[in-house]
Amino acid sequence: MSVPAGLSRWIGSLPPWLSGSVSVAVGAEERNDPVLGRTGGPAGNARLTAWTGIVLLVLFAAEGATLIDLGPLISWHIAVGAALIPPTLLKVISTGWRMVSYYAASRPYRAAGPPPLLLRTLGPLVVLSTGALLTTGVLLILLGQTRSRSSLGSFGPFQVDWIWLHQASFVVWLVFMTLHVLGRLLPGLRIVGQAVGRPSGVPGLAMRLVTLVAVAALGAGCAVLLIDADSTWTHGFGHHHHHH
């Protein structure tokens, strides 16, 4: 993808640790993923990761929308949060497979090359903060409102309980995820666009579709299980929320 000469010069003036990530983010630099085997190799992995990323982006946007008025939308907040768990795990597995294959000296993944340093460093931080956000969310549901509000100690001027930990992990996650989306959105959309334009261009399409459908079904199952795990959130949350 060609970029304006002015933008290209600006990217070239950036420090080396930043310029590579910005080049990828704006589409000035593209990774050449080899296509091979029944699964499509690195190209198939990139398509699965991109599709999963788009699904996660939509679900996280929907989850964010429930924060506008959490009282009446608490059931949706729990359901969408639970549905996020399987696609999050899938994305961790697909990106983890790529990372392990690269460092294990797999020739196709070595040929594709690693992400730029900044995005490579950001990846584990996104995984850890997302894990903390979802884990604390599940714990809130399983513990129920009363135990979730029990003090775990203090952190400076803050009284720490499980709700505070969930909110704090959200703030940390939001910072890392915003940077991640800025760096990955355009490349991901390009890969998805190629997949739509040439769906049979990379082997393994059926396997990727089955995987995504299975993850969607698991997400729906998680939503059904967790929304009924503790009725204190879905019945009476408005009273607690208003009181606190």
C-alpha atoms as a PDB file:
ATOM      1  CA  MET A   1       0.000   0.000   0.000  1.00  0.00           C
ATOM      2  CA  SER A   2       1.461   3.355  -1.055  1.00  0.00           C
ATOM      3  CA  VAL A   3       1.388   6.264   1.371  1.00  0.00           C
ATOM      4  CA  PRO A   4       1.848  10.000   0.727  1.00  0.00           C
ATOM      5  CA  ALA A   5       5.480  11.102   0.436  1.00  0.00           C
ATOM      6  CA  GLY A   6       5.079  13.499   3.379  1.00  0.00           C
ATOM      7  CA  LEU A   7       3.811  10.712   5.617  1.00  0.00           C
ATOM      8  CA  SER A   8       6.615   8.444   4.487  1.00  0.00           C
ATOM      9  CA  ARG A   9       9.216  11.115   5.334  1.00  0.00           C
ATOM     10  CA  TRP A  10       7.605  11.676   8.744  1.00  0.00           C
ATOM     11  CA  ILE A  11       7.703   7.951   9.503  1.00  0.00           C
ATOM     12  CA  GLY A  12      11.370   7.886   8.461  1.00  0.00           C
ATOM     13  CA  SER A  13      12.136  10.681  10.933  1.00  0.00           C
ATOM     14  CA  LEU A  14      10.765   8.698  13.879  1.00  0.00           C
ATOM     15  CA  PRO A  15      13.039   6.743  16.243  1.00  0.00           C
ATOM     16  CA  PRO A  16      13.765   3.197  14.951  1.00  0.00           C
ATOM     17  CA  TRP A  17      11.817   1.555  17.805  1.00  0.00           C
ATOM     18  CA  LEU A  18       8.682   3.475  16.737  1.00  0.00           C
ATOM     19  CA  SER A  19       8.937   3.848  12.955  1.00  0.00           C
ATOM     20  CA  GLY A  20       8.390   0.143  12.171  1.00  0.00           C
ATOM     21  CA  SER A  21       5.177  -0.015  14.193  1.00  0.00           C
ATOM     22  CA  VAL A  22       3.824   3.197  12.645  1.00  0.00           C
ATOM     23  CA  SER A  23       4.657   1.883   9.144  1.00  0.00           C
ATOM     24  CA  VAL A  24       2.630  -1.255   9.836  1.00  0.00           C
ATOM     25  CA  ALA A  25      -0.212   0.709  11.465  1.00  0.00           C
ATOM     26  CA  VAL A  26      -0.746   3.012   8.451  1.00  0.00           C
ATOM     27  CA  GLY A  27      -0.261   0.252   5.888  1.00  0.00           C
ATOM     28  CA  ALA A  28       3.070   1.511   4.553  1.00  0.00           C
ATOM     29  CA  GLU A  29       4.665  -1.842   5.368  1.00  0.00           C
ATOM     30  CA  GLU A  30       3.026  -5.222   4.924  1.00  0.00           C
ATOM     31  CA  ARG A  31       4.171  -8.631   6.111  1.00  0.00           C
ATOM     32  CA  ASN A  32       4.520 -11.222   3.359  1.00  0.00           C
ATOM     33  CA  ASP A  33       2.869 -14.345   4.783  1.00  0.00           C
ATOM     34  CA  PRO A  34       3.759 -17.559   2.910  1.00  0.00           C
ATOM     35  CA  VAL A  35       0.831 -19.750   1.817  1.00  0.00           C
ATOM     36  CA  LEU A  36       1.272 -23.485   2.262  1.00  0.00           C
ATOM     37  CA  GLY A  37      -0.209 -26.751   3.501  1.00  0.00           C
ATOM     38  CA  ARG A  38      -3.788 -27.661   4.373  1.00  0.00           C
ATOM     39  CA  THR A  39      -4.150 -24.833   6.896  1.00  0.00           C
ATOM     40  CA  GLY A  40      -2.627 -22.099   4.742  1.00  0.00           C
ATOM     41  CA  GLY A  41       0.498 -21.755   6.909  1.00  0.00           C
ATOM     42  CA  PRO A  42       1.356 -18.211   8.056  1.00  0.00           C
ATOM     43  CA  ALA A  43      -1.223 -16.727   5.641  1.00  0.00           C
ATOM     44  CA  GLY A  44      -3.969 -18.947   7.088  1.00  0.00           C
ATOM     45  CA  ASN A  45      -2.875 -18.063  10.610  1.00  0.00           C
ATOM     46  CA  ALA A  46      -2.987 -14.350   9.738  1.00  0.00           C
ATOM     47  CA  ARG A  47      -6.538 -14.673   8.364  1.00  0.00           C
ATOM     48  CA  LEU A  48      -7.794 -16.543  11.429  1.00  0.00           C
ATOM     49  CA  THR A  49      -6.164 -13.981  13.736  1.00  0.00           C
ATOM     50  CA  ALA A  50      -7.584 -11.044  11.757  1.00  0.00           C
ATOM     51  CA  TRP A  51     -11.132 -12.441  11.709  1.00  0.00           C
ATOM     52  CA  THR A  52     -10.949 -13.205  15.426  1.00  0.00           C
ATOM     53  CA  GLY A  53      -9.650  -9.689  16.071  1.00  0.00           C
ATOM     54  CA  ILE A  54     -12.604  -8.139  14.233  1.00  0.00           C
ATOM     55  CA  VAL A  55     -15.048 -10.289  16.243  1.00  0.00           C
ATOM     56  CA  LEU A  56     -13.360  -9.195  19.474  1.00  0.00           C
ATOM     57  CA  LEU A  57     -13.428  -5.545  18.439  1.00  0.00           C
ATOM     58  CA  VAL A  58     -17.192  -5.702  17.825  1.00  0.00           C
ATOM     59  CA  LEU A  59     -17.837  -7.528  21.112  1.00  0.00           C
ATOM     60  CA  PHE A  60     -15.653  -5.176  23.152  1.00  0.00           C
ATOM     61  CA  ALA A  61     -17.431  -2.195  21.548  1.00  0.00           C
ATOM     62  CA  ALA A  62     -20.773  -3.724  22.548  1.00  0.00           C
ATOM     63  CA  GLU A  63     -19.453  -4.328  26.057  1.00  0.00           C
ATOM     64  CA  GLY A  64     -18.311  -0.705  26.246  1.00  0.00           C
ATOM     65  CA  ALA A  65     -21.773   0.458  25.158  1.00  0.00           C
ATOM     66  CA  THR A  66     -23.304  -1.253  28.212  1.00  0.00           C
ATOM     67  CA  LEU A  67     -21.228   1.020  30.460  1.00  0.00           C
ATOM     68  CA  ILE A  68     -23.353   3.998  29.372  1.00  0.00           C
ATOM     69  CA  ASP A  69     -26.029   2.898  31.847  1.00  0.00           C
ATOM     70  CA  LEU A  70     -24.889  -0.243  33.636  1.00  0.00           C
ATOM     71  CA  GLY A  71     -27.947  -0.550  35.884  1.00  0.00           C
ATOM     72  CA  PRO A  72     -30.541  -1.661  33.319  1.00  0.00           C
ATOM     73  CA  LEU A  73     -27.862  -3.152  31.037  1.00  0.00           C
ATOM     74  CA  ILE A  74     -26.113  -5.330  33.625  1.00  0.00           C
ATOM     75  CA  SER A  75     -27.473  -8.552  32.085  1.00  0.00           C
ATOM     76  CA  TRP A  76     -26.063  -7.548  28.685  1.00  0.00           C
ATOM     77  CA  HIS A  77     -22.778  -6.554  30.322  1.00  0.00           C
ATOM     78  CA  ILE A  78     -22.443 -10.023  31.859  1.00  0.00           C
ATOM     79  CA  ALA A  79     -23.580 -11.856  28.703  1.00  0.00           C
ATOM     80  CA  VAL A  80     -21.265 -10.011  26.322  1.00  0.00           C
ATOM     81  CA  GLY A  81     -18.362 -10.232  28.779  1.00  0.00           C
ATOM     82  CA  ALA A  82     -18.854 -14.003  29.035  1.00  0.00           C
ATOM     83  CA  ALA A  83     -19.116 -14.322  25.245  1.00  0.00           C
ATOM     84  CA  LEU A  84     -15.730 -12.600  24.941  1.00  0.00           C
ATOM     85  CA  ILE A  85     -13.888 -15.445  26.674  1.00  0.00           C
ATOM     86  CA  PRO A  86     -13.704 -18.058  23.838  1.00  0.00           C
ATOM     87  CA  PRO A  87     -12.654 -15.649  21.026  1.00  0.00           C
ATOM     88  CA  THR A  88     -10.072 -14.103  23.365  1.00  0.00           C
ATOM     89  CA  LEU A  89      -8.606 -17.549  24.004  1.00  0.00           C
ATOM     90  CA  LEU A  90      -8.635 -18.278  20.253  1.00  0.00           C
ATOM     91  CA  LYS A  91      -6.714 -15.091  19.498  1.00  0.00           C
ATOM     92  CA  VAL A  92      -4.161 -15.884  22.214  1.00  0.00           C
ATOM     93  CA  ILE A  93      -3.727 -19.377  20.727  1.00  0.00           C
ATOM     94  CA  SER A  94      -3.393 -18.171  17.117  1.00  0.00           C
ATOM     95  CA  THR A  95      -0.907 -15.406  17.941  1.00  0.00           C
ATOM     96  CA  GLY A  96       0.896 -17.681  20.404  1.00  0.00           C
ATOM     97  CA  TRP A  97       1.254 -20.345  17.716  1.00  0.00           C
ATOM     98  CA  ARG A  98       2.784 -17.785  15.381  1.00  0.00           C
ATOM     99  CA  MET A  99       5.209 -16.582  18.052  1.00  0.00           C
ATOM    100  CA  VAL A 100       6.276 -20.099  19.072  1.00  0.00           C
ATOM    101  CA  SER A 101       6.680 -21.144  15.424  1.00  0.00           C
ATOM    102  CA  TYR A 102       8.853 -18.119  14.724  1.00  0.00           C
ATOM    103  CA  TYR A 103      11.143 -18.639  17.721  1.00  0.00           C
ATOM    104  CA  ALA A 104      11.237 -22.402  17.062  1.00  0.00           C
ATOM    105  CA  ALA A 105      12.783 -21.510  13.684  1.00  0.00           C
ATOM    106  CA  SER A 106       9.882 -22.697  11.520  1.00  0.00           C
ATOM    107  CA  ARG A 107      11.021 -21.716   8.029  1.00  0.00           C
ATOM    108  CA  PRO A 108       7.660 -20.307   6.768  1.00  0.00           C
ATOM    109  CA  TYR A 109       7.155 -18.204   9.914  1.00  0.00           C
ATOM    110  CA  ARG A 110      10.778 -17.065   9.809  1.00  0.00           C
ATOM    111  CA  ALA A 111      10.200 -15.998   6.199  1.00  0.00           C
ATOM    112  CA  ALA A 112       7.131 -13.988   7.254  1.00  0.00           C
ATOM    113  CA  GLY A 113       9.191 -12.236   9.923  1.00  0.00           C
ATOM    114  CA  PRO A 114       8.260 -10.923  13.370  1.00  0.00           C
ATOM    115  CA  PRO A 115       6.069  -7.909  14.151  1.00  0.00           C
ATOM    116  CA  PRO A 116       7.872  -4.594  14.804  1.00  0.00           C
ATOM    117  CA  LEU A 117       9.508  -4.348  18.234  1.00  0.00           C
ATOM    118  CA  LEU A 118       6.902  -2.041  19.820  1.00  0.00           C
ATOM    119  CA  LEU A 119       3.944  -4.183  18.737  1.00  0.00           C
ATOM    120  CA  ARG A 120       5.853  -7.318  19.773  1.00  0.00           C
ATOM    121  CA  THR A 121       6.381  -5.844  23.245  1.00  0.00           C
ATOM    122  CA  LEU A 122       2.786  -4.665  23.479  1.00  0.00           C
ATOM    123  CA  GLY A 123       1.342  -8.111  22.705  1.00  0.00           C
ATOM    124  CA  PRO A 124       2.015  -9.784  26.093  1.00  0.00           C
ATOM    125  CA  LEU A 125       0.748  -6.666  27.914  1.00  0.00           C
ATOM    126  CA  VAL A 126      -2.515  -6.839  25.966  1.00  0.00           C
ATOM    127  CA  VAL A 127      -2.856 -10.553  26.767  1.00  0.00           C
ATOM    128  CA  LEU A 128      -2.163 -10.076  30.497  1.00  0.00           C
ATOM    129  CA  SER A 129      -4.460  -7.059  30.909  1.00  0.00           C
ATOM    130  CA  THR A 130      -7.267  -8.754  28.945  1.00  0.00           C
ATOM    131  CA  GLY A 131      -6.844 -11.870  31.082  1.00  0.00           C
ATOM    132  CA  ALA A 132      -7.031  -9.768  34.254  1.00  0.00           C
ATOM    133  CA  LEU A 133     -10.142  -7.946  33.010  1.00  0.00           C
ATOM    134  CA  LEU A 134     -12.034 -11.102  32.060  1.00  0.00           C
ATOM    135  CA  THR A 135     -10.878 -13.104  35.098  1.00  0.00           C
ATOM    136  CA  THR A 136     -11.954 -10.438  37.580  1.00  0.00           C
ATOM    137  CA  GLY A 137     -15.244 -10.105  35.708  1.00  0.00           C
ATOM    138  CA  VAL A 138     -15.942 -13.844  36.006  1.00  0.00           C
ATOM    139  CA  LEU A 139     -14.969 -13.770  39.695  1.00  0.00           C
ATOM    140  CA  LEU A 140     -17.429 -10.935  40.318  1.00  0.00           C
ATOM    141  CA  ILE A 141     -20.215 -13.015  38.827  1.00  0.00           C
ATOM    142  CA  LEU A 142     -19.299 -16.149  40.788  1.00  0.00           C
ATOM    143  CA  LEU A 143     -18.796 -14.305  44.091  1.00  0.00           C
ATOM    144  CA  GLY A 144     -22.027 -12.304  43.873  1.00  0.00           C
ATOM    145  CA  GLN A 145     -22.550  -8.678  44.878  1.00  0.00           C
ATOM    146  CA  THR A 146     -22.042  -8.957  48.634  1.00  0.00           C
ATOM    147  CA  ARG A 147     -18.739 -10.850  48.593  1.00  0.00           C
ATOM    148  CA  SER A 148     -17.497  -8.792  45.628  1.00  0.00           C
ATOM    149  CA  ARG A 149     -17.805  -5.663  47.772  1.00  0.00           C
ATOM    150  CA  SER A 150     -15.927  -7.174  50.753  1.00  0.00           C
ATOM    151  CA  SER A 151     -12.692  -5.305  51.420  1.00  0.00           C
ATOM    152  CA  LEU A 152      -9.449  -7.029  50.390  1.00  0.00           C
ATOM    153  CA  GLY A 153      -7.270  -4.290  51.900  1.00  0.00           C
ATOM    154  CA  SER A 154      -6.177  -0.865  50.790  1.00  0.00           C
ATOM    155  CA  PHE A 155      -4.048   0.552  47.974  1.00  0.00           C
ATOM    156  CA  GLY A 156      -2.963   4.055  48.933  1.00  0.00           C
ATOM    157  CA  PRO A 157      -6.185   6.033  49.474  1.00  0.00           C
ATOM    158  CA  PHE A 158      -8.295   3.307  47.809  1.00  0.00           C
ATOM    159  CA  GLN A 159     -10.238   0.548  49.560  1.00  0.00           C
ATOM    160  CA  VAL A 160      -9.665  -2.509  47.394  1.00  0.00           C
ATOM    161  CA  ASP A 161     -12.403  -5.044  46.690  1.00  0.00           C
ATOM    162  CA  TRP A 162     -13.062  -7.289  43.690  1.00  0.00           C
ATOM    163  CA  ILE A 163     -15.080  -4.566  41.956  1.00  0.00           C
ATOM    164  CA  TRP A 164     -12.176  -2.128  42.346  1.00  0.00           C
ATOM    165  CA  LEU A 165      -9.787  -4.716  40.888  1.00  0.00           C
ATOM    166  CA  HIS A 166     -12.105  -5.210  37.900  1.00  0.00           C
ATOM    167  CA  GLN A 167     -12.337  -1.451  37.342  1.00  0.00           C
ATOM    168  CA  ALA A 168      -8.562  -0.977  37.723  1.00  0.00           C
ATOM    169  CA  SER A 169      -7.843  -3.790  35.270  1.00  0.00           C
ATOM    170  CA  PHE A 170     -10.250  -2.123  32.828  1.00  0.00           C
ATOM    171  CA  VAL A 171      -8.268   1.138  32.952  1.00  0.00           C
ATOM    172  CA  VAL A 172      -4.968  -0.677  32.356  1.00  0.00           C
ATOM    173  CA  TRP A 173      -6.522  -2.818  29.608  1.00  0.00           C
ATOM    174  CA  LEU A 174      -8.003   0.239  27.872  1.00  0.00           C
ATOM    175  CA  VAL A 175      -4.570   1.868  27.540  1.00  0.00           C
ATOM    176  CA  PHE A 176      -2.876  -1.218  26.088  1.00  0.00           C
ATOM    177  CA  MET A 177      -5.840  -2.196  23.912  1.00  0.00           C
ATOM    178  CA  THR A 178      -6.105   1.305  22.404  1.00  0.00           C
ATOM    179  CA  LEU A 179      -2.442   1.152  21.369  1.00  0.00           C
ATOM    180  CA  HIS A 180      -2.934  -2.382  20.053  1.00  0.00           C
ATOM    181  CA  VAL A 181      -5.969  -1.405  17.953  1.00  0.00           C
ATOM    182  CA  LEU A 182      -4.179   1.649  16.553  1.00  0.00           C
ATOM    183  CA  GLY A 183      -1.304  -0.574  15.473  1.00  0.00           C
ATOM    184  CA  ARG A 184      -3.324  -3.516  14.170  1.00  0.00           C
ATOM    185  CA  LEU A 185      -6.661  -2.252  12.844  1.00  0.00           C
ATOM    186  CA  LEU A 186      -5.665  -1.311   9.282  1.00  0.00           C
ATOM    187  CA  PRO A 187      -3.510  -4.427   8.700  1.00  0.00           C
ATOM    188  CA  GLY A 188      -6.311  -6.597  10.111  1.00  0.00           C
ATOM    189  CA  LEU A 189      -8.941  -4.975   7.893  1.00  0.00           C
ATOM    190  CA  ARG A 190      -6.656  -5.436   4.866  1.00  0.00           C
ATOM    191  CA  ILE A 191      -6.321  -9.157   5.587  1.00  0.00           C
ATOM    192  CA  VAL A 192     -10.079  -9.530   6.113  1.00  0.00           C
ATOM    193  CA  GLY A 193     -10.699  -7.634   2.872  1.00  0.00           C
ATOM    194  CA  GLN A 194      -8.394 -10.011   1.005  1.00  0.00           C
ATOM    195  CA  ALA A 195     -10.160 -12.991   2.570  1.00  0.00           C
ATOM    196  CA  VAL A 196     -13.558 -11.675   1.456  1.00  0.00           C
ATOM    197  CA  GLY A 197     -12.279 -10.837  -2.030  1.00  0.00           C
ATOM    198  CA  ARG A 198     -10.542 -14.182  -2.505  1.00  0.00           C
ATOM    199  CA  PRO A 199     -12.069 -16.573   0.051  1.00  0.00           C
ATOM    200  CA  SER A 200     -10.430 -19.640  -1.520  1.00  0.00           C
ATOM    201  CA  GLY A 201      -7.068 -17.949  -2.055  1.00  0.00           C
ATOM    202  CA  VAL A 202      -5.550 -19.492   1.090  1.00  0.00           C
ATOM    203  CA  PRO A 203      -6.075 -23.186   2.000  1.00  0.00           C
ATOM    204  CA  GLY A 204      -7.864 -24.042   5.230  1.00  0.00           C
ATOM    205  CA  LEU A 205     -10.972 -21.853   4.748  1.00  0.00           C
ATOM    206  CA  ALA A 206     -13.369 -24.571   5.954  1.00  0.00           C
ATOM    207  CA  MET A 207     -11.238 -25.205   9.037  1.00  0.00           C
ATOM    208  CA  ARG A 208     -11.169 -21.488   9.874  1.00  0.00           C
ATOM    209  CA  LEU A 209     -14.944 -21.160   9.428  1.00  0.00           C
ATOM    210  CA  VAL A 210     -15.631 -24.219  11.620  1.00  0.00           C
ATOM    211  CA  THR A 211     -13.290 -22.811  14.276  1.00  0.00           C
ATOM    212  CA  LEU A 212     -15.037 -19.421  14.292  1.00  0.00           C
ATOM    213  CA  VAL A 213     -18.515 -21.007  14.417  1.00  0.00           C
ATOM    214  CA  ALA A 214     -17.419 -23.272  17.288  1.00  0.00           C
ATOM    215  CA  VAL A 215     -16.015 -20.294  19.176  1.00  0.00           C
ATOM    216  CA  ALA A 216     -19.258 -18.367  18.632  1.00  0.00           C
ATOM    217  CA  ALA A 217     -21.243 -21.324  20.014  1.00  0.00           C
ATOM    218  CA  LEU A 218     -18.925 -21.582  23.033  1.00  0.00           C
ATOM    219  CA  GLY A 219     -19.315 -17.838  23.589  1.00  0.00           C
ATOM    220  CA  ALA A 220     -23.097 -18.163  23.598  1.00  0.00           C
ATOM    221  CA  GLY A 221     -22.790 -21.075  26.033  1.00  0.00           C
ATOM    222  CA  CYS A 222     -20.576 -19.054  28.378  1.00  0.00           C
ATOM    223  CA  ALA A 223     -23.080 -16.195  28.284  1.00  0.00           C
ATOM    224  CA  VAL A 224     -25.978 -18.496  29.222  1.00  0.00           C
ATOM    225  CA  LEU A 225     -24.006 -20.166  32.038  1.00  0.00           C
ATOM    226  CA  LEU A 226     -22.625 -17.015  33.633  1.00  0.00           C
ATOM    227  CA  ILE A 227     -25.687 -14.806  33.378  1.00  0.00           C
ATOM    228  CA  ASP A 228     -27.520 -17.227  35.694  1.00  0.00           C
ATOM    229  CA  ALA A 229     -24.528 -18.009  37.933  1.00  0.00           C
ATOM    230  CA  ASP A 230     -25.500 -15.468  40.595  1.00  0.00           C
ATOM    231  CA  SER A 231     -28.842 -13.677  40.473  1.00  0.00           C
ATOM    232  CA  THR A 232     -27.727 -10.894  42.838  1.00  0.00           C
ATOM    233  CA  TRP A 233     -26.259  -9.051  39.856  1.00  0.00           C
ATOM    234  CA  THR A 234     -29.212  -9.335  37.508  1.00  0.00           C
ATOM    235  CA  HIS A 235     -31.815  -8.901  40.285  1.00  0.00           C
ATOM    236  CA  GLY A 236     -31.271  -5.936  42.540  1.00  0.00           C
ATOM    237  CA  PHE A 237     -28.100  -4.525  40.971  1.00  0.00           C
ATOM    238  CA  GLY A 238     -29.817  -1.185  40.404  1.00  0.00           C
ATOM    239  CA  HIS A 239     -30.394  -0.760  44.148  1.00  0.00           C
ATOM    240  CA  HIS A 240     -26.772  -1.570  45.088  1.00  0.00           C
ATOM    241  CA  HIS A 241     -25.444   0.499  42.188  1.00  0.00           C
ATOM    242  CA  HIS A 242     -27.505   3.518  43.218  1.00  0.00           C
ATOM    243  CA  HIS A 243     -26.674   3.103  46.916  1.00  0.00           C
ATOM    244  CA  HIS A 244     -22.918   2.962  46.272  1.00  0.00           C
END
